[in-house]
Amino acid sequence: LAHSRRLDGRSLKKGRVLDHDDLEALKAAGI
């Protein structure tokens, strides 16, 4: 992940290697 993203209930920091749960959270946020 190149830039941090704030989602409901969690925060994905830049530099994070995205896993399946992260992608599901992004999809749920409409991203």
All heavy atoms as atom14 arrays in JSON, in Angstrom:
{
  "sequence": "LAHSRRLDGRSLKKGRVLDHDDLEALKAAGI",
  "atom14_mask": [
    [1, 1, 1, 1, 1, 1, 1, 1, 0, 0, 0, 0, 0, 0],
    [1, 1, 1, 1, 1, 0, 0, 0, 0, 0, 0, 0, 0, 0],
    [1, 1, 1, 1, 1, 1, 1, 1, 1, 1, 0, 0, 0, 0],
    [1, 1, 1, 1, 1, 1, 0, 0, 0, 0, 0, 0, 0, 0],
    [1, 1, 1, 1, 1, 1, 1, 1, 1, 1, 1, 0, 0, 0],
    [1, 1, 1, 1, 1, 1, 1, 1, 1, 1, 1, 0, 0, 0],
    [1, 1, 1, 1, 1, 1, 1, 1, 0, 0, 0, 0, 0, 0],
    [1, 1, 1, 1, 1, 1, 1, 1, 0, 0, 0, 0, 0, 0],
    [1, 1, 1, 1, 0, 0, 0, 0, 0, 0, 0, 0, 0, 0],
    [1, 1, 1, 1, 1, 1, 1, 1, 1, 1, 1, 0, 0, 0],
    [1, 1, 1, 1, 1, 1, 0, 0, 0, 0, 0, 0, 0, 0],
    [1, 1, 1, 1, 1, 1, 1, 1, 0, 0, 0, 0, 0, 0],
    [1, 1, 1, 1, 1, 1, 1, 1, 1, 0, 0, 0, 0, 0],
    [1, 1, 1, 1, 1, 1, 1, 1, 1, 0, 0, 0, 0, 0],
    [1, 1, 1, 1, 0, 0, 0, 0, 0, 0, 0, 0, 0, 0],
    [1, 1, 1, 1, 1, 1, 1, 1, 1, 1, 1, 0, 0, 0],
    [1, 1, 1, 1, 1, 1, 1, 0, 0, 0, 0, 0, 0, 0],
    [1, 1, 1, 1, 1, 1, 1, 1, 0, 0, 0, 0, 0, 0],
    [1, 1, 1, 1, 1, 1, 1, 1, 0, 0, 0, 0, 0, 0],
    [1, 1, 1, 1, 1, 1, 1, 1, 1, 1, 0, 0, 0, 0],
    [1, 1, 1, 1, 1, 1, 1, 1, 0, 0, 0, 0, 0, 0],
    [1, 1, 1, 1, 1, 1, 1, 1, 0, 0, 0, 0, 0, 0],
    [1, 1, 1, 1, 1, 1, 1, 1, 0, 0, 0, 0, 0, 0],
    [1, 1, 1, 1, 1, 1, 1, 1, 1, 0, 0, 0, 0, 0],
    [1, 1, 1, 1, 1, 0, 0, 0, 0, 0, 0, 0, 0, 0],
    [1, 1, 1, 1, 1, 1, 1, 1, 0, 0, 0, 0, 0, 0],
    [1, 1, 1, 1, 1, 1, 1, 1, 1, 0, 0, 0, 0, 0],
    [1, 1, 1, 1, 1, 0, 0, 0, 0, 0, 0, 0, 0, 0],
    [1, 1, 1, 1, 1, 0, 0, 0, 0, 0, 0, 0, 0, 0],
    [1, 1, 1, 1, 0, 0, 0, 0, 0, 0, 0, 0, 0, 0],
    [1, 1, 1, 1, 1, 1, 1, 1, 0, 0, 0, 0, 0, 0]
  ],
  "atom14_positions": [
    [[0.84, -1.19, 0.0], [0.0, 0.0, 0.0], [0.88, 1.25, 0.0], [1.77, 1.4, 0.84], [-0.92, 0.0, 1.22], [-1.96, 1.11, 1.32], [-2.96, 1.02, 0.16], [-2.69, 1.03, 2.65], [0.0, 0.0, 0.0], [0.0, 0.0, 0.0], [0.0, 0.0, 0.0], [0.0, 0.0, 0.0], [0.0, 0.0, 0.0], [0.0, 0.0, 0.0]],
    [[0.63, 2.16, -0.95], [1.48, 3.34, -1.09], [1.09, 4.47, -0.15], [1.95, 5.26, 0.27], [1.44, 3.83, -2.54], [0.0, 0.0, 0.0], [0.0, 0.0, 0.0], [0.0, 0.0, 0.0], [0.0, 0.0, 0.0], [0.0, 0.0, 0.0], [0.0, 0.0, 0.0], [0.0, 0.0, 0.0], [0.0, 0.0, 0.0], [0.0, 0.0, 0.0]],
    [[-0.2, 4.59, 0.18], [-0.67, 5.68, 1.02], [-1.65, 5.14, 2.06], [-2.47, 4.28, 1.76], [-1.35, 6.76, 0.19], [-0.5, 7.29, -0.92], [0.6, 8.08, -0.69], [-0.58, 7.11, -2.28], [1.16, 8.38, -1.85], [0.48, 7.8, -2.82], [0.0, 0.0, 0.0], [0.0, 0.0, 0.0], [0.0, 0.0, 0.0], [0.0, 0.0, 0.0]],
    [[-1.54, 5.65, 3.28], [-2.42, 5.18, 4.36], [-3.87, 5.46, 4.02], [-4.2, 6.48, 3.4], [-2.05, 5.87, 5.68], [-0.73, 5.57, 6.05], [0.0, 0.0, 0.0], [0.0, 0.0, 0.0], [0.0, 0.0, 0.0], [0.0, 0.0, 0.0], [0.0, 0.0, 0.0], [0.0, 0.0, 0.0], [0.0, 0.0, 0.0], [0.0, 0.0, 0.0]],
    [[-4.74, 4.54, 4.43], [-6.19, 4.7, 4.21], [-6.91, 4.5, 5.54], [-6.66, 3.52, 6.25], [-6.71, 3.68, 3.19], [-6.08, 3.79, 1.81], [-6.35, 5.14, 1.17], [-7.75, 5.36, 0.87], [-8.28, 5.2, -0.34], [-7.53, 4.82, -1.36], [-9.56, 5.44, -0.54], [0.0, 0.0, 0.0], [0.0, 0.0, 0.0], [0.0, 0.0, 0.0]],
    [[-7.79, 5.43, 5.87], [-8.61, 5.31, 7.07], [-9.94, 4.69, 6.68], [-10.66, 5.19, 5.8], [-8.85, 6.69, 7.68], [-7.62, 7.36, 8.24], [-7.15, 6.7, 9.53], [-8.14, 6.79, 10.57], [-8.27, 7.82, 11.4], [-7.46, 8.87, 11.28], [-9.19, 7.83, 12.33], [0.0, 0.0, 0.0], [0.0, 0.0, 0.0], [0.0, 0.0, 0.0]],
    [[-10.28, 3.57, 7.31], [-11.54, 2.89, 7.08], [-12.33, 2.87, 8.39], [-11.77, 3.12, 9.47], [-11.3, 1.46, 6.59], [-10.36, 1.3, 5.38], [-10.14, -0.17, 5.09], [-10.95, 2.0, 4.16], [0.0, 0.0, 0.0], [0.0, 0.0, 0.0], [0.0, 0.0, 0.0], [0.0, 0.0, 0.0], [0.0, 0.0, 0.0], [0.0, 0.0, 0.0]],
    [[-13.58, 2.53, 8.33], [-14.37, 2.42, 9.55], [-13.81, 1.31, 10.43], [-13.77, 0.15, 10.02], [-15.85, 2.12, 9.22], [-16.55, 3.31, 8.59], [-16.04, 4.44, 8.76], [-17.59, 3.11, 7.91], [0.0, 0.0, 0.0], [0.0, 0.0, 0.0], [0.0, 0.0, 0.0], [0.0, 0.0, 0.0], [0.0, 0.0, 0.0], [0.0, 0.0, 0.0]],
    [[-13.38, 1.68, 11.62], [-12.92, 0.68, 12.58], [-11.48, 0.23, 12.4], [-10.97, -0.54, 13.21], [0.0, 0.0, 0.0], [0.0, 0.0, 0.0], [0.0, 0.0, 0.0], [0.0, 0.0, 0.0], [0.0, 0.0, 0.0], [0.0, 0.0, 0.0], [0.0, 0.0, 0.0], [0.0, 0.0, 0.0], [0.0, 0.0, 0.0], [0.0, 0.0, 0.0]],
    [[-10.78, 0.7, 11.37], [-9.39, 0.28, 11.2], [-8.65, 1.27, 10.31], [-9.25, 2.09, 9.62], [-9.31, -1.13, 10.6], [-9.82, -1.24, 9.18], [-9.82, -2.68, 8.69], [-8.51, -3.29, 8.76], [-8.25, -4.51, 8.31], [-9.22, -5.26, 7.82], [-7.04, -5.0, 8.38], [0.0, 0.0, 0.0], [0.0, 0.0, 0.0], [0.0, 0.0, 0.0]],
    [[-7.35, 1.17, 10.36], [-6.5, 2.04, 9.55], [-5.45, 1.18, 8.87], [-4.8, 0.36, 9.52], [-5.84, 3.1, 10.45], [-4.94, 3.88, 9.72], [0.0, 0.0, 0.0], [0.0, 0.0, 0.0], [0.0, 0.0, 0.0], [0.0, 0.0, 0.0], [0.0, 0.0, 0.0], [0.0, 0.0, 0.0], [0.0, 0.0, 0.0], [0.0, 0.0, 0.0]],
    [[-5.31, 1.34, 7.56], [-4.28, 0.63, 6.8], [-3.13, 1.6, 6.55], [-3.3, 2.62, 5.89], [-4.84, 0.11, 5.48], [-6.03, -0.85, 5.57], [-6.47, -1.29, 4.17], [-5.69, -2.06, 6.43], [0.0, 0.0, 0.0], [0.0, 0.0, 0.0], [0.0, 0.0, 0.0], [0.0, 0.0, 0.0], [0.0, 0.0, 0.0], [0.0, 0.0, 0.0]],
    [[-1.95, 1.28, 7.08], [-0.81, 2.17, 6.97], [-0.06, 1.95, 5.66], [0.01, 0.82, 5.15], [0.15, 1.94, 8.14], [-0.43, 2.29, 9.5], [-0.56, 3.79, 9.65], [-1.02, 4.16, 11.06], [-1.11, 5.61, 11.23], [0.0, 0.0, 0.0], [0.0, 0.0, 0.0], [0.0, 0.0, 0.0], [0.0, 0.0, 0.0], [0.0, 0.0, 0.0]],
    [[0.54, 3.02, 5.16], [1.36, 2.88, 3.96], [2.5, 1.92, 4.24], [3.01, 1.83, 5.36], [1.91, 4.24, 3.53], [2.96, 4.83, 4.46], [3.5, 6.13, 3.9], [4.58, 6.69, 4.83], [5.17, 7.94, 4.3], [0.0, 0.0, 0.0], [0.0, 0.0, 0.0], [0.0, 0.0, 0.0], [0.0, 0.0, 0.0], [0.0, 0.0, 0.0]],
    [[2.88, 1.16, 3.22], [3.92, 0.16, 3.38], [3.39, -1.21, 3.78], [4.14, -2.17, 3.83], [0.0, 0.0, 0.0], [0.0, 0.0, 0.0], [0.0, 0.0, 0.0], [0.0, 0.0, 0.0], [0.0, 0.0, 0.0], [0.0, 0.0, 0.0], [0.0, 0.0, 0.0], [0.0, 0.0, 0.0], [0.0, 0.0, 0.0], [0.0, 0.0, 0.0]],
    [[2.11, -1.29, 4.07], [1.51, -2.56, 4.48], [1.37, -3.48, 3.27], [0.93, -3.06, 2.19], [0.14, -2.31, 5.11], [-0.59, -3.56, 5.6], [-1.95, -3.2, 6.16], [-2.66, -4.36, 6.67], [-2.54, -4.84, 7.9], [-1.73, -4.25, 8.73], [-3.22, -5.9, 8.28], [0.0, 0.0, 0.0], [0.0, 0.0, 0.0], [0.0, 0.0, 0.0]],
    [[1.72, -4.74, 3.46], [1.5, -5.74, 2.42], [0.05, -6.2, 2.54], [-0.36, -6.77, 3.56], [2.46, -6.94, 2.56], [2.17, -7.99, 1.49], [3.91, -6.46, 2.44], [0.0, 0.0, 0.0], [0.0, 0.0, 0.0], [0.0, 0.0, 0.0], [0.0, 0.0, 0.0], [0.0, 0.0, 0.0], [0.0, 0.0, 0.0], [0.0, 0.0, 0.0]],
    [[-0.74, -5.94, 1.53], [-2.18, -6.16, 1.59], [-2.53, -7.64, 1.53], [-2.05, -8.39, 0.68], [-2.86, -5.44, 0.43], [-2.7, -3.9, 0.44], [-3.18, -3.32, -0.87], [-3.46, -3.3, 1.62], [0.0, 0.0, 0.0], [0.0, 0.0, 0.0], [0.0, 0.0, 0.0], [0.0, 0.0, 0.0], [0.0, 0.0, 0.0], [0.0, 0.0, 0.0]],
    [[-3.39, -8.08, 2.49], [-3.86, -9.47, 2.48], [-5.35, -9.5, 2.13], [-5.97, -8.46, 1.86], [-3.59, -10.14, 3.83], [-4.24, -9.42, 5.01], [-5.24, -8.69, 4.77], [-3.78, -9.58, 6.15], [0.0, 0.0, 0.0], [0.0, 0.0, 0.0], [0.0, 0.0, 0.0], [0.0, 0.0, 0.0], [0.0, 0.0, 0.0], [0.0, 0.0, 0.0]],
    [[-5.9, -10.69, 2.17], [-7.29, -10.88, 1.75], [-8.24, -10.05, 2.6], [-9.17, -9.41, 2.08], [-7.66, -12.36, 1.83], [-9.1, -12.64, 1.5], [-9.59, -12.61, 0.21], [-10.17, -12.92, 2.32], [-10.89, -12.87, 0.24], [-11.26, -13.06, 1.49], [0.0, 0.0, 0.0], [0.0, 0.0, 0.0], [0.0, 0.0, 0.0], [0.0, 0.0, 0.0]],
    [[-8.03, -10.05, 3.93], [-8.92, -9.28, 4.81], [-8.86, -7.79, 4.52], [-9.88, -7.08, 4.58], [-8.55, -9.53, 6.28], [-8.89, -10.95, 6.72], [-9.69, -11.61, 6.02], [-8.35, -11.4, 7.75], [0.0, 0.0, 0.0], [0.0, 0.0, 0.0], [0.0, 0.0, 0.0], [0.0, 0.0, 0.0], [0.0, 0.0, 0.0], [0.0, 0.0, 0.0]],
    [[-7.63, -7.29, 4.2], [-7.5, -5.88, 3.86], [-8.32, -5.54, 2.61], [-9.0, -4.51, 2.56], [-6.03, -5.53, 3.6], [-5.16, -5.73, 4.83], [-5.68, -5.61, 5.95], [-3.97, -5.99, 4.65], [0.0, 0.0, 0.0], [0.0, 0.0, 0.0], [0.0, 0.0, 0.0], [0.0, 0.0, 0.0], [0.0, 0.0, 0.0], [0.0, 0.0, 0.0]],
    [[-8.25, -6.41, 1.62], [-8.97, -6.15, 0.38], [-10.47, -6.18, 0.6], [-11.21, -5.35, 0.03], [-8.57, -7.18, -0.69], [-7.08, -7.25, -1.05], [-6.86, -8.2, -2.21], [-6.54, -5.87, -1.39], [0.0, 0.0, 0.0], [0.0, 0.0, 0.0], [0.0, 0.0, 0.0], [0.0, 0.0, 0.0], [0.0, 0.0, 0.0], [0.0, 0.0, 0.0]],
    [[-10.92, -7.08, 1.46], [-12.36, -7.14, 1.76], [-12.8, -5.85, 2.46], [-13.88, -5.32, 2.2], [-12.67, -8.35, 2.64], [-12.52, -9.68, 1.92], [-13.45, -9.8, 0.72], [-14.65, -9.48, 0.87], [-12.96, -10.17, -0.37], [0.0, 0.0, 0.0], [0.0, 0.0, 0.0], [0.0, 0.0, 0.0], [0.0, 0.0, 0.0], [0.0, 0.0, 0.0]],
    [[-11.95, -5.33, 3.35], [-12.29, -4.09, 4.05], [-12.34, -2.92, 3.07], [-13.19, -2.04, 3.19], [-11.27, -3.82, 5.16], [0.0, 0.0, 0.0], [0.0, 0.0, 0.0], [0.0, 0.0, 0.0], [0.0, 0.0, 0.0], [0.0, 0.0, 0.0], [0.0, 0.0, 0.0], [0.0, 0.0, 0.0], [0.0, 0.0, 0.0], [0.0, 0.0, 0.0]],
    [[-11.42, -2.9, 2.11], [-11.42, -1.83, 1.11], [-12.67, -1.9, 0.23], [-13.3, -0.88, -0.07], [-10.16, -1.94, 0.24], [-8.84, -1.54, 0.93], [-7.65, -2.01, 0.1], [-8.77, -0.03, 1.14], [0.0, 0.0, 0.0], [0.0, 0.0, 0.0], [0.0, 0.0, 0.0], [0.0, 0.0, 0.0], [0.0, 0.0, 0.0], [0.0, 0.0, 0.0]],
    [[-13.02, -3.12, -0.16], [-14.23, -3.29, -0.97], [-15.47, -2.83, -0.2], [-16.35, -2.16, -0.75], [-14.37, -4.75, -1.39], [-13.32, -5.24, -2.38], [-13.49, -6.73, -2.64], [-12.38, -7.27, -3.52], [-12.49, -8.74, -3.72], [0.0, 0.0, 0.0], [0.0, 0.0, 0.0], [0.0, 0.0, 0.0], [0.0, 0.0, 0.0], [0.0, 0.0, 0.0]],
    [[-15.52, -3.23, 1.09], [-16.68, -2.85, 1.91], [-16.79, -1.33, 2.06], [-17.88, -0.79, 2.26], [-16.57, -3.5, 3.29], [0.0, 0.0, 0.0], [0.0, 0.0, 0.0], [0.0, 0.0, 0.0], [0.0, 0.0, 0.0], [0.0, 0.0, 0.0], [0.0, 0.0, 0.0], [0.0, 0.0, 0.0], [0.0, 0.0, 0.0], [0.0, 0.0, 0.0]],
    [[-15.64, -0.64, 1.96], [-15.64, 0.81, 2.06], [-15.93, 1.47, 0.72], [-15.9, 2.71, 0.61], [-14.3, 1.29, 2.6], [0.0, 0.0, 0.0], [0.0, 0.0, 0.0], [0.0, 0.0, 0.0], [0.0, 0.0, 0.0], [0.0, 0.0, 0.0], [0.0, 0.0, 0.0], [0.0, 0.0, 0.0], [0.0, 0.0, 0.0], [0.0, 0.0, 0.0]],
    [[-16.21, 0.65, -0.31], [-16.53, 1.2, -1.62], [-15.34, 1.65, -2.43], [-15.46, 2.45, -3.36], [0.0, 0.0, 0.0], [0.0, 0.0, 0.0], [0.0, 0.0, 0.0], [0.0, 0.0, 0.0], [0.0, 0.0, 0.0], [0.0, 0.0, 0.0], [0.0, 0.0, 0.0], [0.0, 0.0, 0.0], [0.0, 0.0, 0.0], [0.0, 0.0, 0.0]],
    [[-14.14, 1.15, -2.07], [-12.91, 1.53, -2.78], [-12.61, 0.48, -3.85], [-12.45, -0.71, -3.53], [-11.73, 1.66, -1.8], [-12.05, 2.76, -0.77], [-10.43, 1.98, -2.53], [-11.06, 2.83, 0.37], [0.0, 0.0, 0.0], [0.0, 0.0, 0.0], [0.0, 0.0, 0.0], [0.0, 0.0, 0.0], [0.0, 0.0, 0.0], [0.0, 0.0, 0.0]]
  ]
}
